[in-house]
N, C-alpha and C. Protein backbone atom coordinates (compact mmCIF):
# COMPACT_ATOMS: atom_id res chain seq x y z
N UNK A 1 7.26 -3.16 -11.67
CA UNK A 1 6.40 -1.99 -10.99
C UNK A 1 5.17 -2.42 -10.66
N UNK A 2 4.67 -2.03 -9.34
CA UNK A 2 3.27 -2.72 -9.51
C UNK A 2 2.22 -1.91 -10.42
N UNK A 3 2.31 -1.15 -11.35
CA UNK A 3 1.55 -0.57 -12.42
C UNK A 3 1.30 -1.56 -13.44
N UNK A 4 2.60 -2.26 -13.53
CA UNK A 4 2.84 -3.29 -15.02
C UNK A 4 2.53 -4.48 -14.63
N UNK A 5 2.62 -5.00 -13.34
CA UNK A 5 2.31 -5.96 -12.43
C UNK A 5 0.71 -5.96 -13.20
N UNK A 6 -0.18 -5.18 -12.22
CA UNK A 6 -1.67 -5.46 -12.58
C UNK A 6 -2.13 -5.05 -13.29
N UNK A 7 -1.55 -4.80 -14.62
CA UNK A 7 -1.73 -4.54 -16.12
C UNK A 7 -1.38 -5.66 -16.95
N UNK A 8 -0.72 -6.46 -16.75
CA UNK A 8 -0.16 -7.71 -17.08
C UNK A 8 -1.41 -8.97 -16.31
N UNK A 9 -1.98 -8.49 -15.29
CA UNK A 9 -3.04 -9.41 -14.79
C UNK A 9 -4.15 -9.05 -15.24
N UNK A 10 -4.13 -8.15 -16.00
CA UNK A 10 -5.93 -7.65 -16.42
C UNK A 10 -6.87 -6.73 -16.22
N UNK A 11 -6.34 -6.35 -14.76
CA UNK A 11 -6.64 -5.14 -14.38
C UNK A 11 -6.59 -3.68 -14.95
N UNK A 12 -7.48 -3.13 -15.83
CA UNK A 12 -7.70 -2.10 -16.82
C UNK A 12 -7.45 -1.19 -15.98
N UNK A 13 -8.50 -0.58 -15.32
CA UNK A 13 -8.40 0.30 -14.73
C UNK A 13 -7.49 0.88 -13.43
N UNK A 14 -6.18 1.45 -13.84
CA UNK A 14 -4.76 1.36 -13.24
C UNK A 14 -4.59 2.56 -13.30
N UNK A 15 -4.57 3.65 -12.16
CA UNK A 15 -3.99 4.64 -12.19
C UNK A 15 -3.08 5.15 -11.45
N UNK A 16 -1.73 5.87 -11.50
CA UNK A 16 -0.64 6.26 -11.24
C UNK A 16 -0.60 7.75 -10.53
N UNK A 17 0.03 8.09 -9.44
CA UNK A 17 0.17 9.41 -9.06
C UNK A 17 1.80 9.69 -8.84
N UNK A 18 2.13 10.57 -9.06
CA UNK A 18 3.69 10.40 -9.07
C UNK A 18 3.76 11.83 -8.90
N UNK A 19 4.18 12.43 -7.60
CA UNK A 19 3.97 13.93 -7.20
C UNK A 19 5.37 14.37 -8.35
N UNK A 20 6.39 14.38 -8.50
CA UNK A 20 7.29 15.10 -9.53
C UNK A 20 7.43 14.80 -11.11
N UNK A 21 5.92 14.00 -11.22
CA UNK A 21 5.79 13.62 -12.69
C UNK A 21 5.13 14.88 -13.85
N UNK A 22 4.94 14.74 -14.97
CA UNK A 22 4.23 15.76 -15.71
C UNK A 22 3.05 14.86 -15.80
N UNK A 23 3.30 13.52 -15.98
CA UNK A 23 2.28 12.40 -16.77
C UNK A 23 1.29 12.25 -15.89
N UNK A 24 1.57 12.27 -14.70
CA UNK A 24 0.80 10.92 -13.61
C UNK A 24 0.91 11.96 -12.70
N UNK A 25 0.39 13.07 -12.66
CA UNK A 25 -0.17 13.85 -11.58
C UNK A 25 -1.54 14.29 -11.35
N UNK A 26 -2.61 13.66 -12.19
CA UNK A 26 -3.63 13.86 -11.82
C UNK A 26 -4.58 12.74 -12.24
N UNK A 27 -5.41 12.32 -11.10
CA UNK A 27 -5.98 11.23 -10.18
C UNK A 27 -7.33 11.18 -10.55
N UNK A 28 -8.54 10.16 -11.71
CA UNK A 28 -9.58 10.23 -11.28
C UNK A 28 -9.79 9.84 -10.46
N UNK A 29 -10.93 10.49 -9.25
CA UNK A 29 -11.84 9.35 -8.09
C UNK A 29 -12.94 9.34 -8.42
N UNK A 30 -13.55 9.97 -9.42
CA UNK A 30 -15.24 9.82 -9.97
C UNK A 30 -15.00 8.21 -10.55
N UNK A 31 -14.19 7.61 -11.34
CA UNK A 31 -14.58 6.05 -11.56
C UNK A 31 -13.67 4.96 -10.82
N UNK A 32 -14.74 3.80 -10.92
CA UNK A 32 -14.04 2.84 -9.96
C UNK A 32 -12.11 2.22 -10.50
N UNK A 33 -11.88 1.88 -9.64
CA UNK A 33 -10.28 1.49 -10.45
C UNK A 33 -9.40 1.40 -9.45
N UNK A 34 -8.37 1.10 -10.05
CA UNK A 34 -7.54 1.02 -9.08
C UNK A 34 -6.22 2.00 -9.06
N UNK A 35 -6.06 2.47 -7.54
CA UNK A 35 -4.91 3.64 -8.00
C UNK A 35 -3.87 3.26 -6.67
N UNK A 36 -2.46 3.63 -7.69
CA UNK A 36 -1.15 3.26 -7.03
C UNK A 36 -0.54 4.34 -6.80
N UNK A 37 -0.20 5.10 -5.06
CA UNK A 37 0.60 5.96 -5.17
C UNK A 37 1.63 5.46 -4.08
N UNK A 38 2.67 6.55 -4.20
CA UNK A 38 3.66 6.21 -3.37
C UNK A 38 3.52 6.28 -2.11
N UNK A 39 4.45 6.08 -0.98
CA UNK A 39 3.86 6.25 0.60
C UNK A 39 3.99 7.59 0.97
N UNK A 40 4.72 8.23 0.29
CA UNK A 40 5.06 9.59 0.32
C UNK A 40 3.56 10.71 -0.02
N UNK A 41 2.77 9.81 -1.15
CA UNK A 41 1.37 10.30 -1.50
C UNK A 41 0.08 10.60 -0.82
N UNK A 42 0.57 9.42 0.22
CA UNK A 42 -0.59 9.29 0.77
C UNK A 42 -1.78 9.89 2.00
N UNK A 43 -1.07 10.44 2.27
CA UNK A 43 -0.90 11.56 3.78
C UNK A 43 -2.44 12.41 2.98
N UNK A 44 -3.64 12.35 3.84
CA UNK A 44 -4.68 13.31 3.68
C UNK A 44 -5.89 12.58 3.04
N UNK A 45 -5.32 11.17 1.95
CA UNK A 45 -6.46 10.24 1.19
C UNK A 45 -6.84 9.31 2.26
N UNK A 46 -8.09 9.05 1.65
CA UNK A 46 -9.05 8.00 1.87
C UNK A 46 -9.24 6.74 0.90
N UNK A 47 -9.17 5.33 0.88
CA UNK A 47 -9.91 4.62 -0.13
C UNK A 47 -10.60 3.37 0.93
N UNK A 48 -11.97 3.12 -0.23
CA UNK A 48 -12.25 1.92 0.59
C UNK A 48 -11.56 0.87 1.01
N UNK A 49 -10.85 0.34 -0.31
CA UNK A 49 -9.49 -0.83 0.16
C UNK A 49 -8.10 0.00 0.14
N UNK A 50 -7.21 -0.49 0.91
CA UNK A 50 -5.78 -0.41 0.97
C UNK A 50 -4.82 -1.33 0.92
N UNK A 51 -3.99 -2.16 0.05
CA UNK A 51 -3.51 -2.82 -0.30
C UNK A 51 -1.79 -2.58 0.43
N UNK A 52 -0.99 -2.65 1.01
CA UNK A 52 0.10 -2.46 1.22
C UNK A 52 1.13 -4.13 0.58
N UNK A 53 1.74 -4.30 -0.10
CA UNK A 53 1.94 -5.53 -0.98
C UNK A 53 3.53 -5.19 -0.76
N UNK A 54 3.73 -6.38 -0.72
CA UNK A 54 5.79 -6.26 -1.04
C UNK A 54 6.43 -5.83 0.21
N UNK A 55 5.76 -6.26 1.19
CA UNK A 55 6.54 -5.51 2.79
C UNK A 55 7.73 -6.13 2.61
N UNK A 56 8.23 -7.36 1.92
CA UNK A 56 9.15 -7.91 2.42
C UNK A 56 10.77 -7.58 1.50
N UNK A 57 10.51 -6.49 0.78
CA UNK A 57 10.99 -5.30 0.53
C UNK A 57 11.40 -4.19 1.56
N UNK A 58 10.85 -3.83 2.29
CA UNK A 58 10.75 -3.01 2.98
C UNK A 58 11.94 -3.67 4.22
N UNK A 59 13.26 -2.42 4.29
CA UNK A 59 14.53 -2.68 4.81
C UNK A 59 14.60 -1.88 5.63
N UNK A 60 13.89 -0.85 6.49
CA UNK A 60 13.94 -0.03 7.28
C UNK A 60 13.54 -0.28 8.40
N UNK A 61 14.29 -0.38 9.45
CA UNK A 61 13.88 -0.86 10.90
C UNK A 61 12.55 -0.24 11.62
N UNK A 62 11.52 -0.97 11.58
CA UNK A 62 10.27 -0.97 12.23
C UNK A 62 10.47 -0.51 13.96
N UNK A 63 11.32 -0.09 14.32
CA UNK A 63 11.24 0.61 15.52
C UNK A 63 11.85 2.11 15.78
N UNK A 64 12.05 2.81 14.19
CA UNK A 64 12.39 4.00 14.61
C UNK A 64 11.01 4.77 13.92
N UNK A 65 10.79 6.30 14.70
CA UNK A 65 9.62 6.81 14.75
C UNK A 65 9.24 7.07 13.34
N UNK A 66 9.99 7.51 12.25
CA UNK A 66 9.87 7.89 11.34
C UNK A 66 9.00 6.84 10.19
N UNK A 67 9.82 5.39 10.83
CA UNK A 67 8.92 4.25 9.96
C UNK A 67 7.57 4.02 10.15
N UNK A 68 7.63 4.00 11.66
CA UNK A 68 6.20 3.53 12.35
C UNK A 68 5.23 4.71 12.14
N UNK A 69 5.63 6.08 11.96
CA UNK A 69 4.76 7.25 11.32
C UNK A 69 4.34 6.48 10.01
N UNK A 70 5.17 6.30 8.89
CA UNK A 70 5.20 6.44 7.70
C UNK A 70 4.02 5.05 7.53
N UNK A 71 4.12 4.06 8.47
CA UNK A 71 3.38 2.60 8.06
C UNK A 71 1.86 3.10 9.07
N UNK A 72 1.97 3.76 9.72
CA UNK A 72 0.80 4.50 10.40
C UNK A 72 -0.07 5.47 9.17
N UNK A 73 0.52 6.14 8.79
CA UNK A 73 -0.41 7.03 7.66
C UNK A 73 -0.62 5.78 6.62
N UNK A 74 -0.01 4.97 6.60
CA UNK A 74 -0.41 4.10 5.19
C UNK A 74 -1.54 3.33 5.24
N UNK A 75 -1.66 2.88 6.91
CA UNK A 75 -2.60 2.14 7.33
C UNK A 75 -3.97 2.62 7.59
N UNK A 76 -3.66 3.82 7.62
CA UNK A 76 -4.90 4.75 8.01
C UNK A 76 -5.52 4.83 7.15
N UNK A 77 -5.26 4.75 5.96
CA UNK A 77 -5.91 5.09 4.70
C UNK A 77 -7.27 4.63 4.28
N UNK A 78 -7.18 3.28 4.63
CA UNK A 78 -8.68 2.56 4.29
C UNK A 78 -9.82 3.07 5.08
N UNK A 79 -10.76 2.75 4.64
CA UNK A 79 -12.03 2.85 5.40
C UNK A 79 -13.07 1.41 5.26
N UNK A 80 -12.39 0.35 4.90
CA UNK A 80 -13.10 -0.67 5.25
C UNK A 80 -12.06 -1.98 4.72
N UNK A 81 -11.35 -1.88 4.19
CA UNK A 81 -10.39 -3.20 4.42
C UNK A 81 -8.42 -2.62 4.04
N UNK A 82 -7.98 -3.48 4.94
CA UNK A 82 -6.49 -2.72 4.67
C UNK A 82 -5.84 -4.53 4.75
N UNK A 83 -4.88 -4.60 3.61
CA UNK A 83 -4.45 -6.21 3.11
C UNK A 83 -2.78 -5.63 3.39
N UNK A 84 -1.88 -6.81 3.96
CA UNK A 84 -0.74 -6.16 3.81
C UNK A 84 0.02 -7.59 2.95
N UNK A 85 0.59 -7.39 2.30
CA UNK A 85 0.87 -9.07 1.62
C UNK A 85 2.55 -8.70 1.63
N UNK A 86 3.23 -9.99 1.20
CA UNK A 86 4.53 -10.59 1.39
C UNK A 86 5.28 -11.68 0.90
N UNK A 87 5.87 -11.86 0.51
CA UNK A 87 6.21 -13.27 -0.49
C UNK A 87 7.54 -13.95 -0.20
N UNK A 88 7.35 -14.34 1.53
CA UNK A 88 8.54 -14.86 2.58
C UNK A 88 7.77 -15.78 3.30
N UNK A 89 8.32 -16.99 3.63
CA UNK A 89 7.61 -17.83 4.55
C UNK A 89 7.68 -16.77 5.93
N UNK A 90 8.77 -15.86 6.03
CA UNK A 90 8.58 -15.30 7.67
C UNK A 90 8.32 -13.99 7.47
N UNK A 91 7.70 -13.71 8.61
CA UNK A 91 7.06 -12.73 8.51
C UNK A 91 7.62 -11.35 8.42
N UNK A 92 7.75 -10.48 7.33
CA UNK A 92 8.90 -9.37 7.33
C UNK A 92 8.70 -8.44 9.47
N UNK A 93 9.82 -8.01 9.49
CA UNK A 93 9.84 -7.35 10.46
C UNK A 93 8.73 -5.95 10.64
N UNK A 94 8.31 -5.45 9.80
CA UNK A 94 7.95 -4.48 9.94
C UNK A 94 6.07 -4.85 10.51
N UNK A 95 6.26 -6.09 10.09
CA UNK A 95 4.73 -6.38 10.73
C UNK A 95 4.56 -6.80 12.16
N UNK A 96 5.63 -7.12 12.65
CA UNK A 96 5.65 -7.49 14.40
C UNK A 96 5.11 -6.11 15.12
N UNK A 97 4.64 -6.81 16.48
CA UNK A 97 3.87 -5.60 16.96
C UNK A 97 2.12 -5.28 16.29
N UNK A 98 1.68 -6.07 15.20
CA UNK A 98 0.15 -6.16 14.91
C UNK A 98 -0.21 -7.19 15.62
N UNK A 99 -1.32 -7.41 16.77
CA UNK A 99 -1.79 -7.86 17.27
C UNK A 99 -2.28 -9.27 16.22
N UNK A 100 -2.27 -10.38 16.64
CA UNK A 100 -2.78 -11.64 16.22
C UNK A 100 -4.24 -11.72 15.51
N UNK A 101 -5.26 -11.12 16.74
CA UNK A 101 -6.29 -11.04 16.28
C UNK A 101 -6.91 -10.27 15.32
N UNK A 102 -5.87 -9.62 15.01
CA UNK A 102 -6.54 -8.75 13.66
C UNK A 102 -5.91 -8.90 12.40
N UNK A 103 -5.03 -9.92 12.46
CA UNK A 103 -4.54 -10.56 11.12
C UNK A 103 -5.42 -11.57 11.29
N UNK A 104 -5.41 -11.84 9.57
CA UNK A 104 -5.70 -13.48 8.93
C UNK A 104 -4.62 -13.77 7.98
N UNK A 105 -4.62 -14.61 8.01
CA UNK A 105 -3.41 -15.42 7.20
C UNK A 105 -4.34 -15.91 5.93
N UNK A 106 -4.01 -15.38 4.49
CA UNK A 106 -4.62 -16.41 3.29
C UNK A 106 -3.54 -16.66 2.60
N UNK A 107 -3.32 -17.54 2.43
CA UNK A 107 -1.93 -18.68 1.60
C UNK A 107 -2.92 -18.73 0.26
């Protein structure tokens, strides 16, 4: 899970939001830190920086309207920076169609 990974890496201020959980329904936006949301909890929120990790795990058809809408919502939540990441040599299908001029590869 992403929260566990971030905490193992020494990121101390990690909060998560899980809509159907008694324990993870409140997020403090007043203090700096990392917030982890599911793709279904992002609509209407804005952040300085958004990370979309582990895109290699996305198995949906990138041409389906529902998939395109979900990734549109995710990628438009950022005010300043948007980061896509994946851990395979080959770019995930969901990345197809993103203009090369706006992507920068970091190895």
